[in-house]
Amino acid sequence: MQAVFGESSCIHSWMQLVRKVGRNFPGLETEESINEHERTVLKFMNKRQALCVKSRGAIIGVLLFSRNRNMICCLAVDPERRKQGIASILLRKALNELDGSREITVSTFRENDEKGIAPRALYRKFGFEEGELTEEFGYPNQVFVLRS
């Protein structure tokens, strides 16, 4: 498996995955917010800042990143395909696209949040360290930082 840049032709498959995992992501609770996210994904695709992993034509993992902000913006893997290294494949490719001479950040769930167990372990594995506590879409999060 490998991470490739997402293209607008695969937006339907991308959004199928987003709908599957959306309840785990603050800010994706309504159809309106899902539609707004689709427009955002297309913008990231046009900037070559959207990565995906496919299996048999279906997208099973996605990652959005920002070169300007030097950050990982969103990472999701199909629940049926977790623990197969897909998140690591996506994160490795994104880190190669970002500026390693500057801090790279990602916002994830806080320590005592059950949804944060797997992502926090993944980011730590790649050398990220805990940073400031934040809120996104009214939900408590924490920034993780990969120092240069």
C-alpha atoms as a PDB file:
ATOM      1  CA  MET A   1       0.000   0.000   0.000  1.00  0.00           C
ATOM      2  CA  GLN A   2       1.095   3.533  -0.656  1.00  0.00           C
ATOM      3  CA  ALA A   3      -0.139   7.048  -0.107  1.00  0.00           C
ATOM      4  CA  VAL A   4      -0.956   9.029  -3.235  1.00  0.00           C
ATOM      5  CA  PHE A   5      -2.230  12.528  -3.843  1.00  0.00           C
ATOM      6  CA  GLY A   6      -6.006  12.630  -3.905  1.00  0.00           C
ATOM      7  CA  GLU A   7      -7.653  13.862  -7.086  1.00  0.00           C
ATOM      8  CA  SER A   8     -11.066  15.375  -7.593  1.00  0.00           C
ATOM      9  CA  SER A   9     -12.131  12.265  -9.526  1.00  0.00           C
ATOM     10  CA  CYS A  10     -11.994  10.281  -6.265  1.00  0.00           C
ATOM     11  CA  ILE A  11     -13.992  12.753  -4.128  1.00  0.00           C
ATOM     12  CA  HIS A  12     -17.005  10.412  -3.929  1.00  0.00           C
ATOM     13  CA  SER A  13     -14.953   7.577  -2.427  1.00  0.00           C
ATOM     14  CA  TRP A  14     -13.145  10.058  -0.149  1.00  0.00           C
ATOM     15  CA  MET A  15     -16.421  11.395   1.195  1.00  0.00           C
ATOM     16  CA  GLN A  16     -17.800   7.879   1.722  1.00  0.00           C
ATOM     17  CA  LEU A  17     -14.972   7.354   4.193  1.00  0.00           C
ATOM     18  CA  VAL A  18     -15.573  10.764   5.799  1.00  0.00           C
ATOM     19  CA  ARG A  19     -19.252   9.907   6.297  1.00  0.00           C
ATOM     20  CA  LYS A  20     -18.241   6.573   7.833  1.00  0.00           C
ATOM     21  CA  VAL A  21     -15.940   8.162  10.441  1.00  0.00           C
ATOM     22  CA  GLY A  22     -17.492  11.646  10.700  1.00  0.00           C
ATOM     23  CA  ARG A  23     -19.147  11.109  14.072  1.00  0.00           C
ATOM     24  CA  ASN A  24     -15.652  10.789  15.570  1.00  0.00           C
ATOM     25  CA  PHE A  25     -14.619  14.220  14.297  1.00  0.00           C
ATOM     26  CA  PRO A  26     -15.926  17.420  15.880  1.00  0.00           C
ATOM     27  CA  GLY A  27     -17.290  19.726  13.202  1.00  0.00           C
ATOM     28  CA  LEU A  28     -18.602  16.925  10.958  1.00  0.00           C
ATOM     29  CA  GLU A  29     -21.879  16.202  12.744  1.00  0.00           C
ATOM     30  CA  THR A  30     -24.316  17.606  10.164  1.00  0.00           C
ATOM     31  CA  GLU A  31     -24.880  17.138   6.454  1.00  0.00           C
ATOM     32  CA  GLU A  32     -24.144  20.841   5.986  1.00  0.00           C
ATOM     33  CA  SER A  33     -20.763  20.470   7.702  1.00  0.00           C
ATOM     34  CA  ILE A  34     -19.996  17.350   5.620  1.00  0.00           C
ATOM     35  CA  ASN A  35     -20.760  19.318   2.432  1.00  0.00           C
ATOM     36  CA  GLU A  36     -18.501  22.156   3.594  1.00  0.00           C
ATOM     37  CA  HIS A  37     -15.768  19.621   4.340  1.00  0.00           C
ATOM     38  CA  GLU A  38     -16.110  18.244   0.804  1.00  0.00           C
ATOM     39  CA  ARG A  39     -15.437  21.718  -0.604  1.00  0.00           C
ATOM     40  CA  THR A  40     -12.410  21.986   1.705  1.00  0.00           C
ATOM     41  CA  VAL A  41     -11.069  18.602   0.573  1.00  0.00           C
ATOM     42  CA  LEU A  42     -11.359  19.670  -3.079  1.00  0.00           C
ATOM     43  CA  LYS A  43      -9.330  22.814  -2.309  1.00  0.00           C
ATOM     44  CA  PHE A  44      -6.647  20.689  -0.628  1.00  0.00           C
ATOM     45  CA  MET A  45      -6.657  18.321  -3.613  1.00  0.00           C
ATOM     46  CA  ASN A  46      -6.100  21.242  -5.986  1.00  0.00           C
ATOM     47  CA  LYS A  47      -3.054  22.289  -3.917  1.00  0.00           C
ATOM     48  CA  ARG A  48      -1.716  18.700  -3.771  1.00  0.00           C
ATOM     49  CA  GLN A  49      -2.158  18.685   0.009  1.00  0.00           C
ATOM     50  CA  ALA A  50      -4.564  15.734   0.179  1.00  0.00           C
ATOM     51  CA  LEU A  51      -3.254  12.172   0.504  1.00  0.00           C
ATOM     52  CA  CYS A  52      -5.108   8.887   0.384  1.00  0.00           C
ATOM     53  CA  VAL A  53      -4.537   5.153   0.475  1.00  0.00           C
ATOM     54  CA  LYS A  54      -6.721   3.009  -1.771  1.00  0.00           C
ATOM     55  CA  SER A  55      -7.593  -0.657  -1.775  1.00  0.00           C
ATOM     56  CA  ARG A  56      -9.495  -2.200  -4.670  1.00  0.00           C
ATOM     57  CA  GLY A  57     -10.481   1.255  -5.871  1.00  0.00           C
ATOM     58  CA  ALA A  58     -11.930   2.379  -2.535  1.00  0.00           C
ATOM     59  CA  ILE A  59     -10.269   4.963  -0.318  1.00  0.00           C
ATOM     60  CA  ILE A  60      -9.423   3.434   3.062  1.00  0.00           C
ATOM     61  CA  GLY A  61      -7.333   6.245   4.553  1.00  0.00           C
ATOM     62  CA  VAL A  62      -7.109  10.019   4.112  1.00  0.00           C
ATOM     63  CA  LEU A  63      -4.897  12.840   5.298  1.00  0.00           C
ATOM     64  CA  LEU A  64      -5.023  16.602   4.691  1.00  0.00           C
ATOM     65  CA  PHE A  65      -1.985  18.760   5.380  1.00  0.00           C
ATOM     66  CA  SER A  66      -1.043  22.412   5.003  1.00  0.00           C
ATOM     67  CA  ARG A  67       2.346  23.433   3.656  1.00  0.00           C
ATOM     68  CA  ASN A  68       1.733  27.085   4.629  1.00  0.00           C
ATOM     69  CA  ARG A  69       0.918  26.237   8.246  1.00  0.00           C
ATOM     70  CA  ASN A  70       3.302  23.226   8.276  1.00  0.00           C
ATOM     71  CA  MET A  71       0.674  21.043   9.873  1.00  0.00           C
ATOM     72  CA  ILE A  72      -1.330  17.860   9.626  1.00  0.00           C
ATOM     73  CA  CYS A  73      -4.971  18.937   9.385  1.00  0.00           C
ATOM     74  CA  CYS A  74      -6.967  15.735   9.292  1.00  0.00           C
ATOM     75  CA  LEU A  75      -6.185  12.009   9.358  1.00  0.00           C
ATOM     76  CA  ALA A  76      -8.735   9.186   9.159  1.00  0.00           C
ATOM     77  CA  VAL A  77      -8.655   5.466   8.427  1.00  0.00           C
ATOM     78  CA  ASP A  78     -11.576   3.166   7.710  1.00  0.00           C
ATOM     79  CA  PRO A  79     -12.436   1.473  11.030  1.00  0.00           C
ATOM     80  CA  GLU A  80     -12.401  -1.937   9.307  1.00  0.00           C
ATOM     81  CA  ARG A  81      -8.836  -1.344   8.086  1.00  0.00           C
ATOM     82  CA  ARG A  82      -7.201   0.028  11.225  1.00  0.00           C
ATOM     83  CA  LYS A  83      -4.051  -1.495  12.756  1.00  0.00           C
ATOM     84  CA  GLN A  84      -2.661  -2.258   9.289  1.00  0.00           C
ATOM     85  CA  GLY A  85      -0.155   0.615   9.112  1.00  0.00           C
ATOM     86  CA  ILE A  86      -2.321   2.835   6.894  1.00  0.00           C
ATOM     87  CA  ALA A  87      -2.105   5.864   9.204  1.00  0.00           C
ATOM     88  CA  SER A  88       1.689   5.484   9.349  1.00  0.00           C
ATOM     89  CA  ILE A  89       1.896   5.327   5.546  1.00  0.00           C
ATOM     90  CA  LEU A  90      -0.137   8.531   5.275  1.00  0.00           C
ATOM     91  CA  LEU A  91       1.746  10.356   8.017  1.00  0.00           C
ATOM     92  CA  ARG A  92       5.177   9.389   6.662  1.00  0.00           C
ATOM     93  CA  LYS A  93       4.265  10.733   3.196  1.00  0.00           C
ATOM     94  CA  ALA A  94       2.844  13.963   4.653  1.00  0.00           C
ATOM     95  CA  LEU A  95       5.937  14.558   6.786  1.00  0.00           C
ATOM     96  CA  ASN A  96       8.063  14.197   3.642  1.00  0.00           C
ATOM     97  CA  GLU A  97       5.951  16.924   2.013  1.00  0.00           C
ATOM     98  CA  LEU A  98       6.247  19.349   4.943  1.00  0.00           C
ATOM     99  CA  ASP A  99       9.222  21.498   5.994  1.00  0.00           C
ATOM    100  CA  GLY A 100      11.204  19.426   8.491  1.00  0.00           C
ATOM    101  CA  SER A 101      13.389  22.414   9.367  1.00  0.00           C
ATOM    102  CA  ARG A 102      10.365  23.997  11.109  1.00  0.00           C
ATOM    103  CA  GLU A 103       7.996  22.718  13.766  1.00  0.00           C
ATOM    104  CA  ILE A 104       5.210  20.532  12.392  1.00  0.00           C
ATOM    105  CA  THR A 105       1.962  20.508  14.344  1.00  0.00           C
ATOM    106  CA  VAL A 106      -1.211  18.478  14.550  1.00  0.00           C
ATOM    107  CA  SER A 107      -4.271  18.902  16.741  1.00  0.00           C
ATOM    108  CA  THR A 108      -5.726  15.737  18.239  1.00  0.00           C
ATOM    109  CA  PHE A 109      -7.845  14.571  21.125  1.00  0.00           C
ATOM    110  CA  ARG A 110      -6.779  15.086  24.719  1.00  0.00           C
ATOM    111  CA  GLU A 111      -5.169  12.423  26.864  1.00  0.00           C
ATOM    112  CA  ASN A 112      -8.253  11.176  28.695  1.00  0.00           C
ATOM    113  CA  ASP A 113     -10.443  11.099  25.572  1.00  0.00           C
ATOM    114  CA  GLU A 114     -11.007   7.543  24.340  1.00  0.00           C
ATOM    115  CA  LYS A 115     -10.931   8.803  20.745  1.00  0.00           C
ATOM    116  CA  GLY A 116      -7.370  10.013  21.339  1.00  0.00           C
ATOM    117  CA  ILE A 117      -5.719   6.734  22.289  1.00  0.00           C
ATOM    118  CA  ALA A 118      -4.714   5.579  18.793  1.00  0.00           C
ATOM    119  CA  PRO A 119      -3.875   8.982  17.243  1.00  0.00           C
ATOM    120  CA  ARG A 120      -1.798  10.090  20.233  1.00  0.00           C
ATOM    121  CA  ALA A 121       0.168   6.824  20.115  1.00  0.00           C
ATOM    122  CA  LEU A 122       0.758   7.292  16.385  1.00  0.00           C
ATOM    123  CA  TYR A 123       2.018  10.858  16.726  1.00  0.00           C
ATOM    124  CA  ARG A 124       4.291   9.905  19.622  1.00  0.00           C
ATOM    125  CA  LYS A 125       5.719   7.049  17.525  1.00  0.00           C
ATOM    126  CA  PHE A 126       6.737   9.659  14.937  1.00  0.00           C
ATOM    127  CA  GLY A 127       8.370  11.904  17.554  1.00  0.00           C
ATOM    128  CA  PHE A 128       5.585  14.400  18.213  1.00  0.00           C
ATOM    129  CA  GLU A 129       5.376  15.812  21.731  1.00  0.00           C
ATOM    130  CA  GLU A 130       2.430  17.188  23.649  1.00  0.00           C
ATOM    131  CA  GLY A 131       1.841  20.906  23.262  1.00  0.00           C
ATOM    132  CA  GLU A 132      -0.850  23.360  24.262  1.00  0.00           C
ATOM    133  CA  LEU A 133      -4.427  22.464  25.110  1.00  0.00           C
ATOM    134  CA  THR A 134      -6.918  23.899  22.614  1.00  0.00           C
ATOM    135  CA  GLU A 135     -10.515  23.651  21.463  1.00  0.00           C
ATOM    136  CA  GLU A 136     -11.768  23.010  17.942  1.00  0.00           C
ATOM    137  CA  PHE A 137     -15.440  23.212  17.031  1.00  0.00           C
ATOM    138  CA  GLY A 138     -16.122  23.556  20.769  1.00  0.00           C
ATOM    139  CA  TYR A 139     -14.341  20.242  21.489  1.00  0.00           C
ATOM    140  CA  PRO A 140     -11.282  19.926  23.778  1.00  0.00           C
ATOM    141  CA  ASN A 141      -8.130  19.068  21.829  1.00  0.00           C
ATOM    142  CA  GLN A 142      -4.367  19.166  22.251  1.00  0.00           C
ATOM    143  CA  VAL A 143      -1.682  20.266  19.845  1.00  0.00           C
ATOM    144  CA  PHE A 144       1.185  17.857  19.240  1.00  0.00           C
ATOM    145  CA  VAL A 145       4.482  19.269  17.958  1.00  0.00           C
ATOM    146  CA  LEU A 146       7.278  17.671  15.973  1.00  0.00           C
ATOM    147  CA  ARG A 147      10.316  19.824  16.568  1.00  0.00           C
ATOM    148  CA  SER A 148      12.987  20.254  13.913  1.00  0.00           C
END
